[in-house]
Amino acid sequence: MISDGQARRIASDWHGGMSSALYSLASSGAIDLDHARDEISRELQSLDVGEVRRELLALDKYVRTAGERTAVAEWFRLWDDSPVSVNHT
């Protein structure tokens, strides 16, 4: 699974503005599970296979695993530019 820093980076790349669930995740770590998954799903529908799609699928898994939550302390310190790896196990 991706790290908190990777989740923050990916959400910041794909958010749809200040009122979006992915913006909330990117800026504070808060997760509105249903809205975040809806936003990710909309983006995935417009993409073919590839690195970007892999990142969005990893972000979807991250939000499903983390679940609904409020803002995370010190979230602004987290950032991870490393690529999303595929675990085939």
Protein backbone atom coordinates (compact mmCIF):
# COMPACT_ATOMS: atom_id res chain seq x y z
CA MET A 1 0.00 0.00 0.00
CA ILE A 2 1.12 3.56 -0.61
CA SER A 3 2.44 5.79 2.15
CA ASP A 4 0.63 8.79 3.61
CA GLY A 5 3.06 11.02 1.72
CA GLN A 6 2.30 9.31 -1.59
CA ALA A 7 -1.45 9.58 -0.91
CA ARG A 8 -1.06 13.30 -0.24
CA ARG A 9 0.95 13.82 -3.45
CA ILE A 10 -1.46 11.84 -5.65
CA ALA A 11 -4.53 13.54 -4.16
CA SER A 12 -2.92 16.94 -4.76
CA ASP A 13 -2.33 16.02 -8.42
CA TRP A 14 -5.94 14.97 -8.99
CA HIS A 15 -8.16 17.14 -6.81
CA GLY A 16 -10.92 19.11 -8.47
CA GLY A 17 -10.61 22.32 -6.47
CA MET A 18 -10.97 23.50 -2.91
CA SER A 19 -14.40 21.93 -2.41
CA SER A 20 -13.34 18.44 -3.54
CA ALA A 21 -12.75 15.44 -1.30
CA LEU A 22 -9.31 14.88 -2.81
CA TYR A 23 -8.36 18.47 -1.99
CA SER A 24 -9.37 17.81 1.60
CA LEU A 25 -7.22 14.68 1.64
CA ALA A 26 -4.27 16.49 0.06
CA SER A 27 -4.43 19.48 2.37
CA SER A 28 -5.39 17.96 5.72
CA GLY A 29 -5.46 14.17 5.50
CA ALA A 30 -9.21 14.13 6.10
CA ILE A 31 -11.09 11.46 4.15
CA ASP A 32 -14.70 11.70 3.05
CA LEU A 33 -14.76 8.11 1.87
CA ASP A 34 -17.75 8.14 -0.49
CA HIS A 35 -16.88 11.44 -2.15
CA ALA A 36 -13.17 10.61 -2.48
CA ARG A 37 -13.96 7.27 -4.09
CA ASP A 38 -16.45 8.95 -6.46
CA GLU A 39 -13.81 11.47 -7.56
CA ILE A 40 -11.21 8.75 -8.09
CA SER A 41 -13.69 6.64 -10.04
CA ARG A 42 -14.54 9.55 -12.36
CA GLU A 43 -10.86 10.11 -13.11
CA LEU A 44 -10.20 6.41 -13.69
CA GLN A 45 -12.98 6.18 -16.26
CA SER A 46 -11.13 8.62 -18.51
CA LEU A 47 -7.74 6.87 -18.38
CA ASP A 48 -6.13 3.93 -20.13
CA VAL A 49 -3.72 1.52 -18.49
CA GLY A 50 -0.50 3.09 -17.22
CA GLU A 51 1.42 4.68 -14.41
CA VAL A 52 -1.17 7.38 -13.69
CA ARG A 53 -3.97 4.81 -13.52
CA ARG A 54 -1.84 2.72 -11.14
CA GLU A 55 -1.46 5.71 -8.85
CA LEU A 56 -5.20 6.40 -8.78
CA LEU A 57 -5.96 2.72 -8.09
CA ALA A 58 -3.42 2.81 -5.25
CA LEU A 59 -5.06 5.97 -3.88
CA ASP A 60 -8.46 4.25 -4.02
CA LYS A 61 -7.07 1.33 -2.01
CA TYR A 62 -5.51 3.78 0.45
CA VAL A 63 -8.78 5.62 1.13
CA ARG A 64 -10.73 2.33 1.43
CA THR A 65 -8.19 1.00 3.93
CA ALA A 66 -7.86 4.25 5.92
CA GLY A 67 -11.62 4.82 5.93
CA GLU A 68 -13.51 7.91 6.94
CA ARG A 69 -11.40 10.25 9.08
CA THR A 70 -10.91 13.84 10.16
CA ALA A 71 -7.80 15.98 9.67
CA VAL A 72 -4.45 14.41 10.57
CA ALA A 73 -1.99 16.36 12.74
CA GLU A 74 1.24 17.34 10.95
CA TRP A 75 -0.17 16.14 7.61
CA PHE A 76 1.39 19.13 5.86
CA ARG A 77 4.83 17.65 6.57
CA LEU A 78 4.16 14.50 4.54
CA TRP A 79 5.19 14.25 0.90
CA ASP A 80 6.57 11.30 -1.04
CA ASP A 81 7.57 11.59 -4.69
CA SER A 82 8.54 7.93 -5.02
CA PRO A 83 6.69 5.97 -7.71
CA VAL A 84 3.86 3.63 -6.80
CA SER A 85 5.07 0.06 -6.97
CA VAL A 86 2.98 -2.95 -7.87
CA ASN A 87 2.82 -5.75 -5.34
CA HIS A 88 2.04 -9.02 -7.12
CA THR A 89 1.71 -11.09 -3.95
